[in-house]
N, C-alpha and C. Protein backbone atom coordinates (compact mmCIF):
# COMPACT_ATOMS: atom_id res chain seq x y z
N UNK A 1 0.81 -1.20 0.01
CA UNK A 1 -0.02 -0.01 0.00
C UNK A 1 0.88 1.23 0.03
N UNK A 2 0.47 2.27 -0.73
CA UNK A 2 1.19 3.51 -0.82
C UNK A 2 1.15 4.24 0.55
N UNK A 3 2.29 4.71 1.07
CA UNK A 3 2.25 5.49 2.30
C UNK A 3 1.39 6.72 2.14
N UNK A 4 0.79 7.12 3.25
CA UNK A 4 -0.09 8.32 3.27
C UNK A 4 0.52 9.50 3.97
N UNK A 5 1.81 9.36 4.31
CA UNK A 5 2.50 10.46 4.99
C UNK A 5 4.00 10.31 4.74
N UNK A 6 4.71 11.39 4.47
CA UNK A 6 6.12 11.35 4.23
C UNK A 6 6.76 11.41 5.61
N UNK A 7 7.58 10.41 5.94
CA UNK A 7 8.32 10.38 7.23
C UNK A 7 9.76 10.88 6.90
N UNK A 8 10.39 11.52 7.91
CA UNK A 8 11.77 12.01 7.67
C UNK A 8 12.75 10.91 7.17
N UNK A 9 12.47 9.68 7.52
CA UNK A 9 13.35 8.61 7.07
C UNK A 9 13.29 8.39 5.56
N UNK A 10 12.26 8.90 4.85
CA UNK A 10 12.05 8.76 3.45
C UNK A 10 12.95 9.76 2.66
N UNK A 11 13.47 10.78 3.36
CA UNK A 11 14.25 11.81 2.69
C UNK A 11 15.74 11.34 2.54
N UNK A 12 16.17 11.37 1.31
CA UNK A 12 17.60 11.00 1.04
C UNK A 12 18.50 12.20 1.30
N UNK A 13 19.74 11.91 1.68
CA UNK A 13 20.66 13.05 1.96
C UNK A 13 20.86 13.94 0.68
N UNK A 14 21.09 15.21 0.93
CA UNK A 14 21.21 16.19 -0.16
C UNK A 14 22.19 15.78 -1.24
N UNK A 15 23.37 15.28 -0.82
CA UNK A 15 24.39 14.91 -1.82
C UNK A 15 23.91 13.72 -2.66
N UNK A 16 23.26 12.76 -2.05
CA UNK A 16 22.72 11.62 -2.81
C UNK A 16 21.59 12.11 -3.76
N UNK A 17 20.73 12.99 -3.25
CA UNK A 17 19.65 13.51 -4.09
C UNK A 17 20.25 14.29 -5.31
N UNK A 18 21.27 15.13 -5.00
CA UNK A 18 21.90 15.86 -6.14
C UNK A 18 22.42 14.92 -7.25
N UNK A 19 22.99 13.82 -6.85
CA UNK A 19 23.55 12.84 -7.84
C UNK A 19 22.40 12.14 -8.58
N UNK A 20 21.24 12.01 -7.98
CA UNK A 20 20.16 11.31 -8.64
C UNK A 20 19.12 12.25 -9.22
N UNK A 21 19.30 13.55 -9.05
CA UNK A 21 18.25 14.53 -9.35
C UNK A 21 17.72 14.43 -10.84
N UNK A 22 18.64 14.42 -11.77
CA UNK A 22 18.24 14.40 -13.21
C UNK A 22 17.40 13.19 -13.49
N UNK A 23 17.76 12.03 -13.00
CA UNK A 23 16.97 10.80 -13.27
C UNK A 23 15.65 10.85 -12.56
N UNK A 24 15.63 11.38 -11.30
CA UNK A 24 14.41 11.47 -10.52
C UNK A 24 13.45 12.45 -11.20
N UNK A 25 13.93 13.58 -11.71
CA UNK A 25 13.07 14.56 -12.32
C UNK A 25 12.53 13.97 -13.66
N UNK A 26 13.24 13.14 -14.34
CA UNK A 26 12.79 12.49 -15.55
C UNK A 26 11.66 11.53 -15.20
N UNK A 27 11.86 10.73 -14.20
CA UNK A 27 10.83 9.77 -13.77
C UNK A 27 9.55 10.50 -13.27
N UNK A 28 9.76 11.58 -12.61
CA UNK A 28 8.65 12.39 -12.10
C UNK A 28 7.86 12.99 -13.23
N UNK A 29 8.53 13.51 -14.29
CA UNK A 29 7.81 14.05 -15.45
C UNK A 29 6.95 12.99 -16.09
N UNK A 30 7.51 11.81 -16.16
CA UNK A 30 6.70 10.67 -16.73
C UNK A 30 5.47 10.37 -15.95
N UNK A 31 5.66 10.30 -14.64
CA UNK A 31 4.56 10.06 -13.67
C UNK A 31 3.49 11.16 -13.79
N UNK A 32 3.89 12.40 -13.79
CA UNK A 32 2.97 13.50 -13.72
C UNK A 32 2.18 13.68 -15.01
N UNK A 33 2.66 13.21 -16.17
CA UNK A 33 1.93 13.42 -17.40
C UNK A 33 0.52 12.80 -17.38
N UNK A 34 0.34 11.74 -16.60
CA UNK A 34 -1.01 11.19 -16.45
C UNK A 34 -1.66 11.58 -15.15
N UNK A 35 -1.20 12.71 -14.60
CA UNK A 35 -1.85 13.21 -13.33
C UNK A 35 -2.23 14.69 -13.52
N UNK A 36 -2.36 15.13 -14.77
CA UNK A 36 -2.70 16.47 -15.02
C UNK A 36 -3.86 16.63 -15.95
N UNK A 37 -4.66 17.68 -15.87
CA UNK A 37 -5.78 17.84 -16.68
C UNK A 37 -6.03 19.33 -16.87
N UNK A 38 -5.99 19.82 -18.06
CA UNK A 38 -6.32 21.24 -18.42
C UNK A 38 -7.82 21.41 -18.42
N UNK A 39 -8.29 22.46 -17.78
CA UNK A 39 -9.73 22.78 -17.67
C UNK A 39 -9.88 24.14 -18.11
N UNK A 40 -10.46 24.43 -19.32
CA UNK A 40 -10.60 25.77 -19.80
C UNK A 40 -9.25 26.32 -20.27
N UNK A 41 -9.21 27.65 -20.59
CA UNK A 41 -8.04 28.21 -21.20
C UNK A 41 -6.85 28.48 -20.21
N UNK A 42 -7.12 28.50 -18.92
CA UNK A 42 -6.03 28.88 -18.00
C UNK A 42 -5.75 27.93 -16.90
N UNK A 43 -6.68 27.02 -16.50
CA UNK A 43 -6.56 26.25 -15.33
C UNK A 43 -6.01 24.85 -15.65
N UNK A 44 -5.06 24.33 -14.82
CA UNK A 44 -4.62 23.00 -14.92
C UNK A 44 -4.70 22.36 -13.54
N UNK A 45 -5.31 21.18 -13.52
CA UNK A 45 -5.38 20.37 -12.28
C UNK A 45 -4.13 19.46 -12.31
N UNK A 46 -3.35 19.56 -11.25
CA UNK A 46 -2.19 18.63 -11.04
C UNK A 46 -2.62 17.81 -9.85
N UNK A 47 -2.97 16.54 -10.12
CA UNK A 47 -3.42 15.64 -9.07
C UNK A 47 -2.18 15.12 -8.30
N UNK A 48 -2.18 15.31 -7.03
CA UNK A 48 -1.02 14.96 -6.20
C UNK A 48 -1.08 13.56 -5.68
N UNK A 49 0.04 13.07 -5.23
CA UNK A 49 0.23 11.72 -4.65
C UNK A 49 1.36 11.74 -3.67
N UNK A 50 1.53 10.60 -3.05
CA UNK A 50 2.70 10.48 -2.14
C UNK A 50 4.01 10.78 -2.99
N UNK A 51 4.10 10.17 -4.12
CA UNK A 51 5.30 10.35 -4.92
C UNK A 51 5.52 11.76 -5.37
N UNK A 52 4.45 12.46 -5.76
CA UNK A 52 4.64 13.86 -6.22
C UNK A 52 5.06 14.78 -5.02
N UNK A 53 4.53 14.51 -3.88
CA UNK A 53 4.85 15.34 -2.70
C UNK A 53 6.26 14.98 -2.17
N UNK A 54 6.64 13.66 -2.26
CA UNK A 54 8.01 13.35 -1.85
C UNK A 54 9.00 14.06 -2.73
N UNK A 55 8.72 14.03 -4.03
CA UNK A 55 9.54 14.77 -4.98
C UNK A 55 9.62 16.26 -4.65
N UNK A 56 8.46 16.83 -4.35
CA UNK A 56 8.42 18.29 -4.05
C UNK A 56 9.22 18.67 -2.79
N UNK A 57 9.13 17.79 -1.78
CA UNK A 57 9.92 18.02 -0.58
C UNK A 57 11.44 17.96 -0.90
N UNK A 58 11.82 16.96 -1.62
CA UNK A 58 13.21 16.87 -2.02
C UNK A 58 13.70 18.10 -2.81
N UNK A 59 12.83 18.51 -3.72
CA UNK A 59 13.16 19.74 -4.51
C UNK A 59 13.30 20.93 -3.68
N UNK A 60 12.46 21.09 -2.68
CA UNK A 60 12.53 22.32 -1.84
C UNK A 60 13.78 22.30 -1.01
N UNK A 61 14.08 21.12 -0.48
CA UNK A 61 15.34 20.97 0.32
C UNK A 61 16.58 21.22 -0.53
N UNK A 62 16.51 20.75 -1.82
CA UNK A 62 17.65 20.88 -2.72
C UNK A 62 17.81 22.41 -3.04
N UNK A 63 16.75 23.07 -3.40
CA UNK A 63 16.77 24.51 -3.82
C UNK A 63 17.14 25.42 -2.69
N UNK A 64 16.51 25.25 -1.54
CA UNK A 64 16.66 26.19 -0.43
C UNK A 64 17.82 25.80 0.45
N UNK A 65 18.27 24.54 0.47
CA UNK A 65 19.40 24.06 1.20
C UNK A 65 19.30 24.39 2.72
N UNK A 66 18.07 24.22 3.23
CA UNK A 66 17.84 24.55 4.70
C UNK A 66 18.12 23.38 5.62
N UNK A 67 18.40 22.20 5.07
CA UNK A 67 18.76 21.08 5.82
C UNK A 67 17.75 20.59 6.81
N UNK A 68 18.20 19.98 7.91
CA UNK A 68 17.29 19.38 8.93
C UNK A 68 16.34 20.41 9.47
N UNK A 69 16.74 21.66 9.54
CA UNK A 69 15.86 22.70 10.19
C UNK A 69 14.71 22.99 9.25
N UNK A 70 14.86 22.83 7.93
CA UNK A 70 13.84 23.14 6.97
C UNK A 70 12.80 21.99 6.81
N UNK A 71 13.26 20.78 7.07
CA UNK A 71 12.45 19.60 6.81
C UNK A 71 11.12 19.62 7.55
N UNK A 72 10.97 19.94 8.79
CA UNK A 72 9.64 19.92 9.45
C UNK A 72 8.64 20.85 8.78
N UNK A 73 9.08 22.01 8.29
CA UNK A 73 8.22 22.94 7.58
C UNK A 73 7.76 22.38 6.27
N UNK A 74 8.69 21.70 5.57
CA UNK A 74 8.25 21.12 4.25
C UNK A 74 7.29 19.98 4.47
N UNK A 75 7.52 19.12 5.47
CA UNK A 75 6.60 18.04 5.71
C UNK A 75 5.23 18.59 6.11
N UNK A 76 5.21 19.68 6.95
CA UNK A 76 3.93 20.24 7.39
C UNK A 76 3.19 20.86 6.15
N UNK A 77 3.92 21.39 5.16
CA UNK A 77 3.32 21.94 4.00
C UNK A 77 2.78 20.92 3.03
N UNK A 78 3.50 19.89 2.81
CA UNK A 78 3.21 18.96 1.72
C UNK A 78 2.49 17.66 2.14
N UNK A 79 2.68 17.19 3.36
CA UNK A 79 1.91 15.95 3.80
C UNK A 79 0.41 16.16 3.64
N UNK A 80 -0.15 17.31 3.99
CA UNK A 80 -1.60 17.46 3.86
C UNK A 80 -2.10 17.31 2.38
N UNK A 81 -1.24 17.36 1.40
CA UNK A 81 -1.66 17.21 0.00
C UNK A 81 -1.59 15.80 -0.49
N UNK A 82 -1.24 14.84 0.33
CA UNK A 82 -1.22 13.43 -0.05
C UNK A 82 -2.63 12.87 0.17
N UNK A 83 -3.25 12.31 -0.90
CA UNK A 83 -4.53 11.69 -0.77
C UNK A 83 -4.56 10.64 0.36
N UNK A 84 -5.58 10.59 1.11
CA UNK A 84 -5.59 9.64 2.24
C UNK A 84 -6.49 8.40 2.07
N UNK A 85 -6.73 8.05 0.78
CA UNK A 85 -7.44 6.76 0.48
C UNK A 85 -8.84 6.87 0.00
N UNK A 86 -9.55 7.92 0.30
CA UNK A 86 -10.95 8.11 -0.12
C UNK A 86 -11.12 9.48 -0.80
N UNK A 87 -10.09 10.00 -1.40
CA UNK A 87 -10.09 11.32 -1.98
C UNK A 87 -9.04 11.47 -3.05
N UNK A 88 -9.27 12.54 -3.88
CA UNK A 88 -8.25 13.02 -4.79
C UNK A 88 -7.91 14.38 -4.32
N UNK A 89 -6.60 14.78 -4.48
CA UNK A 89 -6.17 16.09 -4.06
C UNK A 89 -5.47 16.70 -5.26
N UNK A 90 -5.81 17.95 -5.59
CA UNK A 90 -5.18 18.60 -6.73
C UNK A 90 -4.58 19.97 -6.39
N UNK A 91 -3.49 20.24 -6.96
CA UNK A 91 -3.03 21.68 -6.99
C UNK A 91 -3.60 22.20 -8.32
N UNK A 92 -4.36 23.30 -8.22
CA UNK A 92 -4.94 23.88 -9.44
C UNK A 92 -4.19 25.16 -9.68
N UNK A 93 -3.64 25.29 -10.87
CA UNK A 93 -2.86 26.45 -11.21
C UNK A 93 -3.56 27.21 -12.34
N UNK A 94 -3.69 28.50 -12.19
CA UNK A 94 -4.19 29.39 -13.24
C UNK A 94 -2.93 29.98 -13.90
N UNK A 95 -2.58 29.51 -15.06
CA UNK A 95 -1.36 29.84 -15.71
C UNK A 95 -1.56 30.79 -16.89
N UNK A 96 -1.26 32.08 -16.66
CA UNK A 96 -1.42 33.09 -17.64
C UNK A 96 -0.17 33.84 -17.72
N UNK A 97 0.52 33.75 -18.88
CA UNK A 97 1.92 34.40 -19.03
C UNK A 97 1.92 35.89 -18.96
N UNK A 98 0.94 36.54 -19.62
CA UNK A 98 0.97 38.02 -19.64
C UNK A 98 0.53 38.52 -18.27
N UNK A 99 1.34 39.33 -17.62
CA UNK A 99 1.04 39.78 -16.27
C UNK A 99 -0.24 40.68 -16.14
N UNK A 100 -0.46 41.48 -17.19
CA UNK A 100 -1.62 42.39 -17.16
C UNK A 100 -2.87 41.54 -17.28
N UNK A 101 -2.84 40.62 -18.23
CA UNK A 101 -4.05 39.71 -18.37
C UNK A 101 -4.26 38.82 -17.16
N UNK A 102 -3.09 38.33 -16.55
CA UNK A 102 -3.22 37.50 -15.36
C UNK A 102 -3.94 38.26 -14.23
N UNK A 103 -3.51 39.51 -14.03
CA UNK A 103 -4.13 40.38 -12.95
C UNK A 103 -5.61 40.53 -13.23
N UNK A 104 -5.99 40.78 -14.48
CA UNK A 104 -7.37 41.05 -14.80
C UNK A 104 -8.24 39.76 -14.62
N UNK A 105 -7.72 38.60 -15.12
CA UNK A 105 -8.45 37.38 -15.01
C UNK A 105 -8.60 36.94 -13.53
N UNK A 106 -7.49 36.98 -12.78
CA UNK A 106 -7.56 36.57 -11.38
C UNK A 106 -8.54 37.45 -10.57
N UNK A 107 -8.59 38.74 -10.97
CA UNK A 107 -9.51 39.66 -10.28
C UNK A 107 -10.97 39.29 -10.51
N UNK A 108 -11.29 38.54 -11.58
CA UNK A 108 -12.66 38.09 -11.88
C UNK A 108 -13.01 36.79 -11.26
N UNK A 109 -12.02 36.10 -10.60
CA UNK A 109 -12.14 34.72 -10.19
C UNK A 109 -12.27 34.51 -8.68
N UNK A 110 -12.57 35.60 -7.98
CA UNK A 110 -12.71 35.49 -6.54
C UNK A 110 -13.70 34.38 -6.16
N UNK A 111 -13.30 33.60 -5.14
CA UNK A 111 -14.20 32.51 -4.71
C UNK A 111 -14.10 31.23 -5.58
N UNK A 112 -13.29 31.23 -6.51
CA UNK A 112 -13.21 30.01 -7.40
C UNK A 112 -12.83 28.74 -6.60
N UNK A 113 -12.18 28.92 -5.51
CA UNK A 113 -11.82 27.80 -4.66
C UNK A 113 -13.03 27.00 -4.20
N UNK A 114 -14.22 27.59 -4.24
CA UNK A 114 -15.43 26.95 -3.85
C UNK A 114 -16.29 26.47 -5.01
N UNK A 115 -15.73 26.54 -6.19
CA UNK A 115 -16.54 26.23 -7.37
C UNK A 115 -15.89 25.18 -8.28
N UNK A 116 -15.14 24.25 -7.73
CA UNK A 116 -14.63 23.12 -8.52
C UNK A 116 -15.40 21.88 -8.22
N UNK A 117 -15.44 21.00 -9.18
CA UNK A 117 -16.14 19.76 -9.04
C UNK A 117 -15.60 18.60 -9.83
N UNK A 118 -15.95 17.41 -9.54
CA UNK A 118 -15.73 16.22 -10.35
C UNK A 118 -17.09 15.57 -10.48
N UNK A 119 -17.54 15.33 -11.68
CA UNK A 119 -18.83 14.76 -11.94
C UNK A 119 -18.59 13.30 -12.47
N UNK A 120 -19.25 12.38 -11.80
CA UNK A 120 -19.09 10.94 -12.09
C UNK A 120 -20.48 10.34 -12.13
N UNK A 121 -20.95 10.02 -13.36
CA UNK A 121 -22.32 9.55 -13.52
C UNK A 121 -23.28 10.65 -13.02
N UNK A 122 -24.19 10.27 -12.11
CA UNK A 122 -25.14 11.22 -11.61
C UNK A 122 -24.62 11.98 -10.35
N UNK A 123 -23.40 11.70 -9.94
CA UNK A 123 -22.87 12.32 -8.72
C UNK A 123 -21.96 13.45 -9.01
N UNK A 124 -22.04 14.51 -8.23
CA UNK A 124 -21.06 15.63 -8.29
C UNK A 124 -20.33 15.69 -7.00
N UNK A 125 -19.05 15.58 -7.07
CA UNK A 125 -18.18 15.65 -5.90
C UNK A 125 -17.62 17.12 -5.90
N UNK A 126 -17.99 17.88 -4.87
CA UNK A 126 -17.59 19.25 -4.75
C UNK A 126 -16.16 19.31 -4.23
N UNK A 127 -15.33 20.19 -4.77
CA UNK A 127 -14.02 20.42 -4.24
C UNK A 127 -14.05 21.21 -2.98
N UNK A 128 -13.20 20.87 -2.03
CA UNK A 128 -13.10 21.64 -0.83
C UNK A 128 -11.65 22.25 -0.80
N UNK A 129 -11.57 23.51 -0.63
CA UNK A 129 -10.25 24.15 -0.65
C UNK A 129 -9.53 23.94 0.68
N UNK A 130 -8.17 23.87 0.62
CA UNK A 130 -7.44 23.79 1.84
C UNK A 130 -7.66 25.09 2.61
N UNK A 131 -7.77 24.95 3.93
CA UNK A 131 -8.07 26.10 4.75
C UNK A 131 -6.84 26.66 5.47
N UNK A 132 -5.62 26.31 4.87
CA UNK A 132 -4.42 26.86 5.48
C UNK A 132 -4.23 28.34 5.34
N UNK A 133 -4.88 28.90 4.30
CA UNK A 133 -4.92 30.31 4.10
C UNK A 133 -5.99 30.75 3.18
N UNK A 134 -6.34 31.98 3.11
CA UNK A 134 -7.36 32.45 2.25
C UNK A 134 -6.83 32.40 0.77
N UNK A 135 -7.72 31.86 -0.08
CA UNK A 135 -7.31 31.75 -1.49
C UNK A 135 -7.89 32.88 -2.32
N UNK A 136 -8.76 33.69 -1.77
CA UNK A 136 -9.28 34.90 -2.42
C UNK A 136 -8.99 36.00 -1.48
N UNK A 137 -8.32 37.03 -2.02
CA UNK A 137 -7.92 38.25 -1.24
C UNK A 137 -9.16 39.07 -0.90
N UNK A 138 -9.01 40.02 -0.01
CA UNK A 138 -10.10 40.88 0.40
C UNK A 138 -10.62 41.71 -0.80
N UNK A 139 -9.74 41.96 -1.79
CA UNK A 139 -10.11 42.71 -2.96
C UNK A 139 -10.81 41.88 -4.04
N UNK A 140 -11.03 40.58 -3.71
CA UNK A 140 -11.77 39.69 -4.64
C UNK A 140 -10.85 39.01 -5.64
N UNK A 141 -9.52 39.20 -5.59
CA UNK A 141 -8.62 38.56 -6.50
C UNK A 141 -8.31 37.17 -6.02
N UNK A 142 -8.42 36.19 -6.91
CA UNK A 142 -8.11 34.79 -6.62
C UNK A 142 -6.62 34.56 -6.65
N UNK A 143 -6.12 33.58 -5.86
CA UNK A 143 -4.76 33.20 -5.96
C UNK A 143 -4.59 32.41 -7.24
N UNK A 144 -3.41 32.50 -7.84
CA UNK A 144 -3.11 31.72 -9.00
C UNK A 144 -2.89 30.23 -8.74
N UNK A 145 -2.77 29.89 -7.45
CA UNK A 145 -2.59 28.49 -7.02
C UNK A 145 -3.62 28.20 -5.98
N UNK A 146 -4.38 27.07 -6.23
CA UNK A 146 -5.39 26.64 -5.35
C UNK A 146 -5.04 25.17 -4.96
N UNK A 147 -5.44 24.77 -3.75
CA UNK A 147 -5.28 23.36 -3.32
C UNK A 147 -6.64 22.86 -2.98
N UNK A 148 -7.11 21.78 -3.73
CA UNK A 148 -8.45 21.30 -3.66
C UNK A 148 -8.53 19.84 -3.37
N UNK A 149 -9.45 19.48 -2.45
CA UNK A 149 -9.61 18.10 -2.05
C UNK A 149 -11.01 17.64 -2.46
N UNK A 150 -11.11 16.46 -3.08
CA UNK A 150 -12.42 15.90 -3.55
C UNK A 150 -12.60 14.59 -2.73
N UNK A 151 -13.54 14.57 -1.78
CA UNK A 151 -13.84 13.37 -0.98
C UNK A 151 -14.89 12.52 -1.67
N UNK A 152 -14.54 11.22 -1.83
CA UNK A 152 -15.37 10.25 -2.51
C UNK A 152 -15.98 9.32 -1.50
N UNK A 153 -17.21 8.82 -1.82
CA UNK A 153 -17.85 7.75 -1.01
C UNK A 153 -17.36 6.44 -1.61
N UNK A 154 -17.47 5.33 -0.85
CA UNK A 154 -17.04 3.99 -1.37
C UNK A 154 -17.73 3.72 -2.76
N UNK A 155 -18.99 4.05 -2.91
CA UNK A 155 -19.69 3.77 -4.20
C UNK A 155 -19.05 4.65 -5.34
N UNK A 156 -18.70 5.87 -4.98
CA UNK A 156 -18.08 6.75 -6.02
C UNK A 156 -16.69 6.19 -6.41
N UNK A 157 -15.94 5.70 -5.41
CA UNK A 157 -14.63 5.11 -5.73
C UNK A 157 -14.84 3.92 -6.65
N UNK A 158 -15.77 3.09 -6.37
CA UNK A 158 -16.00 1.92 -7.19
C UNK A 158 -16.37 2.31 -8.61
N UNK A 159 -17.22 3.37 -8.77
CA UNK A 159 -17.60 3.83 -10.05
C UNK A 159 -16.43 4.44 -10.78
N UNK A 160 -15.56 5.17 -10.06
CA UNK A 160 -14.45 5.75 -10.73
C UNK A 160 -13.48 4.66 -11.21
N UNK A 161 -13.20 3.72 -10.38
CA UNK A 161 -12.38 2.62 -10.79
C UNK A 161 -12.97 1.75 -11.86
N UNK A 162 -14.28 1.66 -11.89
CA UNK A 162 -14.95 0.78 -12.86
C UNK A 162 -14.87 1.19 -14.28
N UNK A 163 -14.59 2.48 -14.51
CA UNK A 163 -14.28 2.96 -15.84
C UNK A 163 -15.50 3.21 -16.71
N UNK A 164 -16.72 2.99 -16.22
CA UNK A 164 -17.89 3.28 -17.01
C UNK A 164 -18.21 4.75 -17.04
N UNK A 165 -18.67 5.24 -18.12
CA UNK A 165 -19.06 6.62 -18.23
C UNK A 165 -17.90 7.56 -18.13
N UNK A 166 -18.12 8.85 -18.32
CA UNK A 166 -17.10 9.87 -18.28
C UNK A 166 -16.96 10.40 -16.87
N UNK A 167 -15.70 10.80 -16.62
CA UNK A 167 -15.42 11.63 -15.39
C UNK A 167 -15.12 13.07 -15.92
N UNK A 168 -15.96 13.99 -15.42
CA UNK A 168 -15.89 15.40 -15.86
C UNK A 168 -15.25 16.22 -14.68
N UNK A 169 -14.27 17.03 -14.98
CA UNK A 169 -13.62 17.89 -13.95
C UNK A 169 -13.92 19.31 -14.46
N UNK A 170 -14.37 20.18 -13.53
CA UNK A 170 -14.69 21.48 -14.01
C UNK A 170 -14.89 22.50 -12.89
N UNK A 171 -15.35 23.65 -13.35
CA UNK A 171 -15.71 24.83 -12.47
C UNK A 171 -17.09 25.27 -12.84
N UNK A 172 -17.81 25.67 -11.83
CA UNK A 172 -19.10 26.34 -12.09
C UNK A 172 -19.07 27.79 -11.53
N UNK A 173 -17.96 28.42 -11.68
CA UNK A 173 -17.83 29.84 -11.27
C UNK A 173 -18.42 30.74 -12.29
N UNK A 174 -19.10 31.78 -11.97
CA UNK A 174 -19.77 32.65 -12.95
C UNK A 174 -18.84 33.18 -14.03
N UNK A 175 -17.49 33.36 -13.66
CA UNK A 175 -16.54 33.88 -14.68
C UNK A 175 -15.65 32.81 -15.27
N UNK A 176 -15.85 31.58 -14.77
CA UNK A 176 -15.04 30.50 -15.34
C UNK A 176 -15.80 29.16 -15.31
N UNK A 177 -16.72 29.04 -16.19
CA UNK A 177 -17.56 27.88 -16.31
C UNK A 177 -17.04 26.88 -17.32
N UNK A 178 -15.96 26.22 -17.04
CA UNK A 178 -15.31 25.28 -17.96
C UNK A 178 -15.25 23.93 -17.39
N UNK A 179 -15.26 22.93 -18.33
CA UNK A 179 -15.22 21.46 -17.93
C UNK A 179 -14.29 20.78 -18.92
N UNK A 180 -13.82 19.62 -18.44
CA UNK A 180 -13.01 18.75 -19.33
C UNK A 180 -13.30 17.34 -18.95
N UNK A 181 -13.26 16.45 -19.97
CA UNK A 181 -13.38 15.02 -19.74
C UNK A 181 -12.01 14.43 -19.37
N UNK A 182 -11.99 13.75 -18.29
CA UNK A 182 -10.73 13.08 -17.85
C UNK A 182 -10.39 11.94 -18.79
N UNK A 183 -9.16 12.04 -19.40
CA UNK A 183 -8.79 10.96 -20.29
C UNK A 183 -8.60 9.62 -19.53
N UNK A 184 -8.83 8.49 -20.21
CA UNK A 184 -8.70 7.18 -19.57
C UNK A 184 -7.38 6.97 -18.83
N UNK A 185 -6.26 7.39 -19.41
CA UNK A 185 -4.94 7.20 -18.76
C UNK A 185 -4.81 7.97 -17.51
N UNK A 186 -5.46 9.13 -17.42
CA UNK A 186 -5.43 9.94 -16.19
C UNK A 186 -6.27 9.26 -15.14
N UNK A 187 -7.47 8.86 -15.58
CA UNK A 187 -8.40 8.09 -14.69
C UNK A 187 -7.76 6.87 -14.11
N UNK A 188 -7.09 6.13 -14.90
CA UNK A 188 -6.44 4.92 -14.39
C UNK A 188 -5.31 5.23 -13.46
N UNK A 189 -4.55 6.29 -13.70
CA UNK A 189 -3.49 6.66 -12.80
C UNK A 189 -4.12 7.09 -11.39
N UNK A 190 -5.12 7.90 -11.46
CA UNK A 190 -5.69 8.44 -10.27
C UNK A 190 -6.44 7.44 -9.44
N UNK A 191 -6.91 6.36 -10.09
CA UNK A 191 -7.61 5.29 -9.42
C UNK A 191 -6.67 4.64 -8.34
N UNK A 192 -5.36 4.73 -8.56
CA UNK A 192 -4.37 4.14 -7.67
C UNK A 192 -4.35 4.98 -6.35
N UNK A 193 -4.81 6.18 -6.35
CA UNK A 193 -4.83 7.04 -5.14
C UNK A 193 -5.80 6.55 -4.01
N UNK A 194 -6.79 5.76 -4.48
CA UNK A 194 -7.72 5.28 -3.50
C UNK A 194 -7.26 4.04 -2.79
N UNK A 195 -7.60 3.90 -1.49
CA UNK A 195 -7.11 2.72 -0.70
C UNK A 195 -7.78 1.45 -1.22
């Protein structure tokens, strides 16, 4: 069974990670290609897992070089994004290259963290945003990065794994009403996140 929490013992020493980094990043890129889904013109769902979060912790330690003192903060930040067996967890990024357009679009997306869903047959699974911080500022501007959790019932997990019908991922925000059908390869990869 896939671990549901990164323990300090899973972290390789920085020198060892540096020697393996190119190969690890290559493997991670391969893994992630079936864990992402573009929804509309700007949003991409990056579905997280133990492996993606372990990689992220290693990358943060490598980049910031904070050592043992940094590790507890990284584990506190990334362990909550590991699916716990009856859910999918996504980092949703609104990726807009032009800074002026990005500011304008994000200003129209306040509250979007409460408007994501996964539709499976007749069921709609509403996304719940992480409550570690506000994702919409007081001025109504949405953050370009959102963390969303989708809690499934046992019947919904069985239907997701069963492969019948489409899985639709989307938003029902007044300024961003977009949906996408989850490709079979993504669905198959994400089915592994359930216990």
